[in-house]
Protein backbone atom coordinates (compact mmCIF):
# COMPACT_ATOMS: atom_id res chain seq x y z
CA UNK A 1 -0.11 0.31 0.11
CA UNK A 2 1.53 3.52 -1.06
CA UNK A 3 1.78 5.60 2.03
CA UNK A 4 0.37 9.24 1.68
CA UNK A 5 4.01 10.45 2.19
CA UNK A 6 5.13 8.29 -0.76
CA UNK A 7 2.09 10.02 -2.69
CA UNK A 8 3.45 13.13 -1.58
CA UNK A 9 7.22 12.54 -2.68
CA UNK A 10 5.44 11.20 -6.20
CA UNK A 11 3.38 14.50 -6.64
CA UNK A 12 6.21 16.58 -5.67
CA UNK A 13 7.97 14.76 -8.28
CA UNK A 14 5.80 15.16 -11.14
CA UNK A 15 4.22 18.94 -10.37
CA UNK A 16 0.47 16.74 -9.47
CA UNK A 17 -1.66 18.46 -6.92
CA UNK A 18 -2.94 16.31 -4.07
CA UNK A 19 -5.59 16.67 -1.74
CA UNK A 20 -4.25 15.83 1.92
CA UNK A 21 -6.28 15.93 5.03
CA UNK A 22 -2.73 15.89 7.22
CA UNK A 23 0.07 14.14 7.09
CA UNK A 24 1.72 11.63 9.24
CA UNK A 25 4.95 12.34 11.49
CA UNK A 26 8.06 10.45 10.43
CA UNK A 27 8.95 7.85 13.17
CA UNK A 28 12.13 8.20 14.86
CA UNK A 29 13.75 5.44 14.86
CA UNK A 30 16.17 4.37 17.58
CA UNK A 31 19.09 7.21 18.27
CA UNK A 32 17.96 8.90 15.28
CA UNK A 33 17.44 12.98 15.96
CA UNK A 34 15.02 15.13 16.04
CA UNK A 35 14.51 16.89 12.64
CA UNK A 36 13.18 20.72 12.94
CA UNK A 37 12.80 22.53 9.47
CA UNK A 38 14.03 26.33 9.61
CA UNK A 39 12.93 28.70 6.97
CA UNK A 40 14.03 32.13 6.79
CA UNK A 41 14.95 35.14 3.93
CA UNK A 42 19.02 34.00 3.97
CA UNK A 43 19.34 35.90 0.33
CA UNK A 44 17.28 38.48 -1.67
CA UNK A 45 16.16 42.00 -0.26
CA UNK A 46 15.19 40.57 3.17
CA UNK A 47 18.61 38.90 3.61
CA UNK A 48 19.39 40.89 6.15
CA UNK A 49 16.71 39.71 8.71
CA UNK A 50 18.61 36.07 8.59
CA UNK A 51 22.39 37.79 9.14
CA UNK A 52 22.49 35.84 12.31
CA UNK A 53 20.86 32.51 11.32
CA UNK A 54 24.29 30.24 11.39
CA UNK A 55 25.32 32.01 14.49
CA UNK A 56 22.17 30.97 16.32
CA UNK A 57 22.04 27.48 14.47
CA UNK A 58 25.63 26.69 15.33
CA UNK A 59 25.29 27.98 19.33
CA UNK A 60 21.71 25.76 18.99
CA UNK A 61 23.30 22.73 17.80
CA UNK A 62 26.28 23.23 20.36
CA UNK A 63 24.28 23.93 23.39
CA UNK A 64 21.70 20.58 22.38
CA UNK A 65 24.82 18.18 22.16
CA UNK A 66 26.63 19.54 25.19
CA UNK A 67 23.21 18.65 27.01
CA UNK A 68 23.12 15.05 25.08
CA UNK A 69 20.36 15.99 23.15
CA UNK A 70 20.34 14.78 19.86
CA UNK A 71 18.80 17.30 17.47
CA UNK A 72 18.91 18.18 13.57
CA UNK A 73 18.24 21.31 11.75
CA UNK A 74 17.18 21.58 7.96
CA UNK A 75 17.84 25.04 6.67
CA UNK A 76 16.25 26.20 3.78
CA UNK A 77 16.20 29.40 1.98
CA UNK A 78 12.97 31.28 1.18
CA UNK A 79 14.74 33.85 -1.17
CA UNK A 80 12.87 36.61 0.28
CA UNK A 81 10.59 34.84 -2.32
CA UNK A 82 6.80 33.79 -0.81
CA UNK A 83 6.76 31.27 -3.64
CA UNK A 84 9.59 29.77 -3.13
CA UNK A 85 9.35 30.02 0.40
CA UNK A 86 5.94 27.46 -0.16
CA UNK A 87 8.32 25.24 -1.92
CA UNK A 88 11.10 24.88 0.22
CA UNK A 89 8.38 24.42 3.37
CA UNK A 90 6.75 21.29 1.46
CA UNK A 91 10.47 19.90 0.96
CA UNK A 92 10.99 19.80 4.50
CA UNK A 93 7.62 18.02 4.58
CA UNK A 94 7.93 15.59 2.19
CA UNK A 95 11.49 14.66 1.61
CA UNK A 96 13.46 15.97 5.09
CA UNK A 97 10.64 14.56 7.04
CA UNK A 98 10.83 16.96 9.61
CA UNK A 99 9.18 16.76 12.89
CA UNK A 100 8.47 20.85 13.21
CA UNK A 101 8.92 23.38 11.09
CA UNK A 102 10.45 26.67 12.36
CA UNK A 103 9.79 29.96 10.29
CA UNK A 104 11.48 33.30 10.81
CA UNK A 105 11.09 36.99 9.37
CA UNK A 106 8.25 39.49 7.73
CA UNK A 107 5.04 37.76 6.50
CA UNK A 108 6.80 37.07 2.61
CA UNK A 109 8.27 33.85 4.30
CA UNK A 110 6.23 33.06 7.48
CA UNK A 111 2.82 33.05 5.80
CA UNK A 112 3.58 30.86 2.66
CA UNK A 113 5.08 27.94 5.16
CA UNK A 114 2.93 28.45 7.74
CA UNK A 115 -0.53 28.26 5.34
CA UNK A 116 1.32 24.72 3.30
CA UNK A 117 2.10 23.05 7.21
CA UNK A 118 -1.35 23.73 8.10
CA UNK A 119 -3.02 22.56 4.99
CA UNK A 120 -0.55 18.97 6.00
CA UNK A 121 -1.25 19.37 9.80
CA UNK A 122 2.35 19.55 10.17
CA UNK A 123 3.39 21.63 13.48
CA UNK A 124 4.78 25.09 12.89
CA UNK A 125 6.01 27.62 14.60
CA UNK A 126 6.82 30.92 13.17
CA UNK A 127 8.31 34.51 14.47
CA UNK A 128 9.50 37.98 13.50
CA UNK A 129 6.15 39.16 11.60
CA UNK A 130 3.91 41.63 13.16
CA UNK A 131 0.92 39.20 14.32
CA UNK A 132 -1.59 40.60 11.98
CA UNK A 133 -0.20 40.24 8.58
CA UNK A 134 0.74 36.48 9.76
CA UNK A 135 -3.02 35.62 11.20
CA UNK A 136 -5.28 38.12 8.88
CA UNK A 137 -2.94 37.81 5.79
CA UNK A 138 -3.49 33.75 6.05
CA UNK A 139 -7.44 34.07 5.98
CA UNK A 140 -9.32 33.00 3.11
CA UNK A 141 -11.31 36.26 3.28
CA UNK A 142 -8.73 39.17 4.72
CA UNK A 143 -11.41 41.71 3.75
CA UNK A 144 -14.11 39.97 6.14
CA UNK A 145 -13.65 39.30 10.14
CA UNK A 146 -16.17 37.65 10.36
CA UNK A 147 -15.30 34.44 8.32
CA UNK A 148 -11.37 34.71 9.98
CA UNK A 149 -10.82 31.17 11.62
CA UNK A 150 -7.91 29.89 14.24
CA UNK A 151 -5.39 27.65 12.68
CA UNK A 152 -4.87 24.01 14.27
CA UNK A 153 -1.09 23.44 13.78
CA UNK A 154 0.62 26.62 13.11
CA UNK A 155 1.36 29.19 15.69
CA UNK A 156 3.36 32.36 15.85
CA UNK A 157 4.87 34.56 18.94
CA UNK A 158 5.42 38.49 17.94
CA UNK A 159 4.02 41.42 18.33
CA UNK A 160 1.16 43.23 16.79
CA UNK A 161 0.28 46.71 15.28
CA UNK A 162 -1.06 48.06 17.92
CA UNK A 163 2.12 47.33 19.84
CA UNK A 164 4.07 49.51 16.89
CA UNK A 165 1.64 52.28 16.50
CA UNK A 166 1.92 52.91 20.59
CA UNK A 167 5.43 53.00 20.50
CA UNK A 168 6.03 55.11 17.61
CA UNK A 169 2.97 57.51 18.66
CA UNK A 170 4.85 57.64 22.19
CA UNK A 171 8.25 58.74 20.77
CA UNK A 172 6.85 61.32 18.43
CA UNK A 173 4.83 62.92 21.87
CA UNK A 174 8.07 63.91 23.15
CA UNK A 175 8.88 66.23 20.56
CA UNK A 176 7.01 69.17 19.44
CA UNK A 177 5.67 68.65 16.06
CA UNK A 178 2.68 69.45 13.48
CA UNK A 179 1.14 65.98 13.75
CA UNK A 180 1.33 65.78 9.93
CA UNK A 181 2.73 62.29 9.22
CA UNK A 182 3.54 60.90 5.95
CA UNK A 183 2.92 57.19 5.32
CA UNK A 184 5.08 54.72 3.36
CA UNK A 185 3.13 51.52 2.90
CA UNK A 186 4.18 48.99 0.18
CA UNK A 187 2.36 46.53 -1.60
CA UNK A 188 3.15 43.99 0.47
CA UNK A 189 1.64 41.61 3.79
CA UNK A 190 2.94 44.46 5.91
CA UNK A 191 2.52 47.22 3.78
CA UNK A 192 -1.28 46.36 3.27
CA UNK A 193 -1.89 45.56 6.86
CA UNK A 194 -0.03 49.00 8.24
CA UNK A 195 -1.64 51.17 6.08
CA UNK A 196 -5.00 49.39 6.74
CA UNK A 197 -7.75 52.06 7.48
CA UNK A 198 -9.61 49.07 10.09
CA UNK A 199 -6.39 46.93 11.64
CA UNK A 200 -3.86 49.82 10.67
CA UNK A 201 -2.07 52.93 11.60
CA UNK A 202 -4.94 55.38 9.76
CA UNK A 203 -7.99 55.09 12.60
CA UNK A 204 -5.41 55.34 15.79
CA UNK A 205 -3.72 58.69 13.85
CA UNK A 206 -7.08 59.71 13.38
CA UNK A 207 -8.10 59.16 17.17
CA UNK A 208 -4.65 60.70 18.38
CA UNK A 209 -4.90 64.05 16.66
CA UNK A 210 -2.76 63.40 13.52
CA UNK A 211 -3.98 63.31 9.88
CA UNK A 212 -1.98 61.13 7.40
CA UNK A 213 -0.95 61.70 4.15
CA UNK A 214 -0.85 57.93 2.19
CA UNK A 215 0.08 58.53 -1.21
CA UNK A 216 -1.27 54.79 -2.05
CA UNK A 217 0.76 51.54 -1.77
CA UNK A 218 3.87 51.15 -4.15
CA UNK A 219 5.61 48.22 -5.43
CA UNK A 220 8.73 47.11 -3.49
CA UNK A 221 12.41 48.13 -5.07
CA UNK A 222 10.96 51.15 -6.89
CA UNK A 223 13.78 53.60 -7.77
CA UNK A 224 12.20 56.94 -7.78
CA UNK A 225 9.74 57.85 -4.62
CA UNK A 226 9.57 61.72 -5.95
CA UNK A 227 6.07 61.31 -6.16
CA UNK A 228 5.77 60.52 -2.41
CA UNK A 229 8.28 62.92 -1.49
CA UNK A 230 6.48 65.45 -3.39
CA UNK A 231 3.15 64.80 -1.00
CA UNK A 232 5.16 64.99 1.92
CA UNK A 233 6.22 68.45 1.13
CA UNK A 234 3.07 69.91 -0.13
CA UNK A 235 1.26 68.69 2.85
CA UNK A 236 4.21 69.99 5.17
CA UNK A 237 4.97 66.37 7.12
CA UNK A 238 6.82 66.87 10.08
CA UNK A 239 6.87 62.94 10.81
CA UNK A 240 7.32 60.17 8.40
CA UNK A 241 6.25 56.45 8.91
CA UNK A 242 5.72 53.36 7.18
CA UNK A 243 7.07 49.72 6.72
CA UNK A 244 10.15 49.32 4.11
CA UNK A 245 12.79 46.90 2.74
CA UNK A 246 15.90 48.06 3.57
CA UNK A 247 16.77 49.04 -0.09
CA UNK A 248 13.83 51.06 -0.41
CA UNK A 249 14.10 53.04 2.52
CA UNK A 250 17.71 53.92 1.72
CA UNK A 251 16.60 55.06 -1.84
CA UNK A 252 13.68 57.12 -0.70
CA UNK A 253 15.88 58.75 2.31
CA UNK A 254 18.36 59.86 -0.44
CA UNK A 255 16.17 61.20 -2.41
CA UNK A 256 14.57 63.15 0.24
CA UNK A 257 17.41 64.72 1.19
CA UNK A 258 18.20 65.62 -2.22
CA UNK A 259 15.16 67.16 -2.98
CA UNK A 260 15.27 69.32 0.46
CA UNK A 261 12.71 67.26 1.97
CA UNK A 262 13.95 66.93 5.89
CA UNK A 263 11.01 65.54 8.41
CA UNK A 264 11.66 65.90 12.04
CA UNK A 265 10.67 62.15 12.77
CA UNK A 266 11.28 59.41 10.69
CA UNK A 267 10.05 55.97 12.54
CA UNK A 268 10.00 53.33 9.97
CA UNK A 269 9.58 49.39 10.71
CA UNK A 270 11.40 46.78 8.73
CA UNK A 271 14.15 48.99 6.86
CA UNK A 272 16.34 50.03 9.71
CA UNK A 273 16.05 47.31 11.93
CA UNK A 274 19.95 46.58 11.21
CA UNK A 275 23.09 48.06 11.69
CA UNK A 276 24.09 47.61 8.59
CA UNK A 277 20.90 49.40 7.01
CA UNK A 278 21.57 52.34 8.63
CA UNK A 279 25.51 52.62 8.07
CA UNK A 280 24.68 52.68 4.58
CA UNK A 281 22.87 56.44 4.75
CA UNK A 282 26.24 57.56 6.51
CA UNK A 283 25.34 60.26 8.56
CA UNK A 284 22.25 60.95 7.66
CA UNK A 285 21.02 57.83 9.77
CA UNK A 286 21.46 59.68 13.14
CA UNK A 287 18.36 60.02 15.09
CA UNK A 288 15.96 57.78 13.04
CA UNK A 289 13.89 55.79 14.70
CA UNK A 290 12.20 52.16 14.89
CA UNK A 291 10.27 49.52 16.96
CA UNK A 292 12.97 47.42 19.35
CA UNK A 293 11.57 43.96 19.54
CA UNK A 294 15.01 43.02 21.12
CA UNK A 295 18.23 44.50 22.46
CA UNK A 296 21.50 43.39 24.33
CA UNK A 297 19.73 45.20 27.00
CA UNK A 298 16.58 43.65 27.18
CA UNK A 299 16.48 42.15 30.87
CA UNK A 300 15.83 38.39 29.75
CA UNK A 301 18.03 35.33 29.65
CA UNK A 302 18.04 32.08 27.71
CA UNK A 303 16.16 28.81 28.34
CA UNK A 304 18.40 26.93 26.49
CA UNK A 305 22.17 28.38 27.41
CA UNK A 306 21.11 30.61 30.80
CA UNK A 307 23.15 33.71 28.62
CA UNK A 308 21.87 36.83 29.43
CA UNK A 309 20.50 39.01 26.06
CA UNK A 310 23.43 40.97 26.69
CA UNK A 311 25.57 37.93 26.57
CA UNK A 312 24.14 36.10 23.33
CA UNK A 313 24.31 39.65 21.61
CA UNK A 314 28.34 39.76 22.54
CA UNK A 315 28.70 36.34 21.37
CA UNK A 316 27.64 37.24 17.98
CA UNK A 317 30.06 40.27 17.65
CA UNK A 318 32.62 38.34 19.01
CA UNK A 319 32.39 35.43 16.58
CA UNK A 320 31.32 37.79 13.32
CA UNK A 321 32.93 41.03 14.37
CA UNK A 322 29.29 42.56 13.38
CA UNK A 323 26.84 44.74 15.73
CA UNK A 324 24.29 42.46 17.52
CA UNK A 325 20.92 42.62 15.68
CA UNK A 326 17.11 42.07 16.67
CA UNK A 327 16.46 38.76 14.68
CA UNK A 328 18.98 37.33 16.93
CA UNK A 329 16.54 37.12 20.18
CA UNK A 330 13.84 36.23 18.09
CA UNK A 331 15.72 33.29 16.32
CA UNK A 332 17.03 32.02 19.30
CA UNK A 333 13.70 32.22 20.85
CA UNK A 334 12.19 30.25 18.01
CA UNK A 335 14.44 27.41 19.31
CA UNK A 336 14.15 27.63 23.16
CA UNK A 337 10.20 27.29 22.49
CA UNK A 338 10.90 24.11 20.18
CA UNK A 339 13.31 22.32 22.44
CA UNK A 340 11.03 23.14 25.25
CA UNK A 341 7.70 21.66 23.32
CA UNK A 342 9.88 18.67 22.55
CA UNK A 343 10.27 17.86 25.87
CA UNK A 344 6.39 17.41 26.31
CA UNK A 345 5.71 15.75 23.48
CA UNK A 346 6.27 12.43 21.22
CA UNK A 347 7.61 13.96 18.22
CA UNK A 348 6.64 11.50 16.18
CA UNK A 349 2.76 12.35 17.21
CA UNK A 350 1.66 15.55 15.29
CA UNK A 351 -1.72 16.26 17.45
CA UNK A 352 0.62 15.72 20.56
CA UNK A 353 3.17 18.02 19.42
CA UNK A 354 0.58 20.73 18.37
CA UNK A 355 -0.82 19.93 21.38
CA UNK A 356 2.51 20.84 23.15
CA UNK A 357 3.02 24.19 21.34
CA UNK A 358 -0.14 25.34 22.08
CA UNK A 359 0.29 24.61 26.03
CA UNK A 360 3.47 26.61 25.84
CA UNK A 361 4.84 29.14 28.83
CA UNK A 362 8.21 29.67 28.45
CA UNK A 363 10.58 32.37 29.74
CA UNK A 364 12.96 32.81 26.38
CA UNK A 365 15.30 35.03 26.11
CA UNK A 366 12.71 37.46 24.38
CA UNK A 367 10.46 36.97 27.50
CA UNK A 368 7.47 34.83 28.19
CA UNK A 369 6.19 32.86 25.50
CA UNK A 370 2.67 31.64 26.23
CA UNK A 371 -0.28 30.82 23.55
CA UNK A 372 -2.63 32.15 26.54
CA UNK A 373 -4.63 34.68 24.47
CA UNK A 374 -3.24 37.35 26.60
CA UNK A 375 -3.66 41.01 25.37
CA UNK A 376 -5.25 39.27 22.06
CA UNK A 377 -8.93 39.75 20.17
CA UNK A 378 -10.50 35.78 20.52
CA UNK A 379 -10.17 35.45 17.03
CA UNK A 380 -6.21 35.33 17.29
CA UNK A 381 -5.98 33.77 20.91
CA UNK A 382 -5.26 30.50 19.89
CA UNK A 383 -2.45 30.94 17.53
CA UNK A 384 -0.46 34.09 18.70
CA UNK A 385 1.86 35.01 21.84
CA UNK A 386 2.73 38.79 22.11
CA UNK A 387 6.22 39.82 23.23
CA UNK A 388 6.96 43.02 24.02
CA UNK A 389 7.84 46.14 21.89
CA UNK A 390 9.88 49.94 22.89
CA UNK A 391 11.31 52.40 20.70
CA UNK A 392 14.71 53.39 19.76
CA UNK A 393 16.82 55.80 17.69
CA UNK A 394 20.06 55.40 15.69
CA UNK A 395 22.49 57.51 17.42
CA UNK A 396 26.14 58.15 15.79
CA UNK A 397 28.92 57.31 17.69
CA UNK A 398 31.99 59.37 18.26
CA UNK A 399 34.42 57.00 16.83
CA UNK A 400 31.82 56.00 14.08
CA UNK A 401 29.12 53.50 12.98
CA UNK A 402 25.51 53.47 15.67
CA UNK A 403 24.30 53.02 18.35
CA UNK A 404 20.45 51.50 18.93
CA UNK A 405 19.30 53.66 21.75
CA UNK A 406 16.09 52.56 23.58
CA UNK A 407 14.41 56.21 23.98
CA UNK A 408 10.61 55.04 25.18
CA UNK A 409 9.51 52.24 27.22
CA UNK A 410 6.13 53.13 28.26
CA UNK A 411 4.82 49.65 26.61
CA UNK A 412 7.10 47.64 28.51
CA UNK A 413 8.85 49.54 31.49
CA UNK A 414 10.45 46.50 32.43
CA UNK A 415 13.07 47.30 29.71
CA UNK A 416 15.50 49.69 30.34
CA UNK A 417 15.78 52.94 27.82
CA UNK A 418 19.11 54.57 27.34
CA UNK A 419 17.93 58.28 26.41
CA UNK A 420 14.96 60.51 25.16
CA UNK A 421 13.72 61.25 21.54
CA UNK A 422 15.56 63.56 19.35
CA UNK A 423 14.52 65.58 16.62
CA UNK A 424 16.53 64.87 13.17
CA UNK A 425 17.70 67.95 12.50
């Protein structure tokens, strides 16, 4: 009798589509490792998110081996492409026969992978994408909240749009501005969510007395932002916000400088999370602001290694010679949660693994991860675990380079600040 996995392998080889209703987990032979699949955008325009992947995975393998645990990690590159992300997720399930799929970094990678896993009843944990683009973006009808349904096997931990909006407006509240905001929202999962008139920035900004100038969605890798810059200049926007891929913000910011547009505040998601992205702007990166998911000063430690956030960050710099980046904490936490799950479930039993994920309550390098429904609407309570968020600014260092200084922690007072918000000029 042909097994379903053999059927899927045949389908993958021939390109045929096969309807399935749940994929059995592979059996673990005696002495065989528990196998994790891991997907992230290691190449392409989102590659900065995966800069620390090798460091984290090497550290995970060393720590688990030292503890006498037998794990294998099969790493796949989404190439910053949603179609490729879905393809490699299928490879992990069909060819590599992993016990658990882990995925990180932006909806363009997390969503296709989680969708494939959900279709096959394969357990999946994802992170590093705001929860609304992740949850709503995978619904059959994202425009109809009444139709939204929870997922069975896909789980996610991160913060939400409500958190980043609060962080940004708290930072802005430290400065005198005209409350005119220019919006930069691309035509992708993040941009459509952040600019959404129901769940995104527009209704909250209006409620807080801000006016938003939104010139409309643009395509990623746009090479001319003159239309947006002219719209913001005409509006007199003191503030700029949005969620851009790194090369697009570099293009926009350089063109804004050339065209004489110099706002007091630029709080940009995704694009300026990384030191190298800000360094590429030269001195004009000074006092740009962004959300801070994780930093070397976060007051948390790893359940795997016992390292503090500062020690993990220093370890990355020692090995690579590069400054720490925010995804380090969340990718590390992804493996913390995965190991905790496998301590409580038979890795060959997908239902048991799914139940163990849902019951997780673990202190990690990014704080507590628990799918307990806290601070979430009922429709998202099963699948989302929220993590803390604060706001920071990039400051030029005397010897060159930049430091990311936390300037507002009203949303998470246990995370220390290192300064106050300053205007760009």
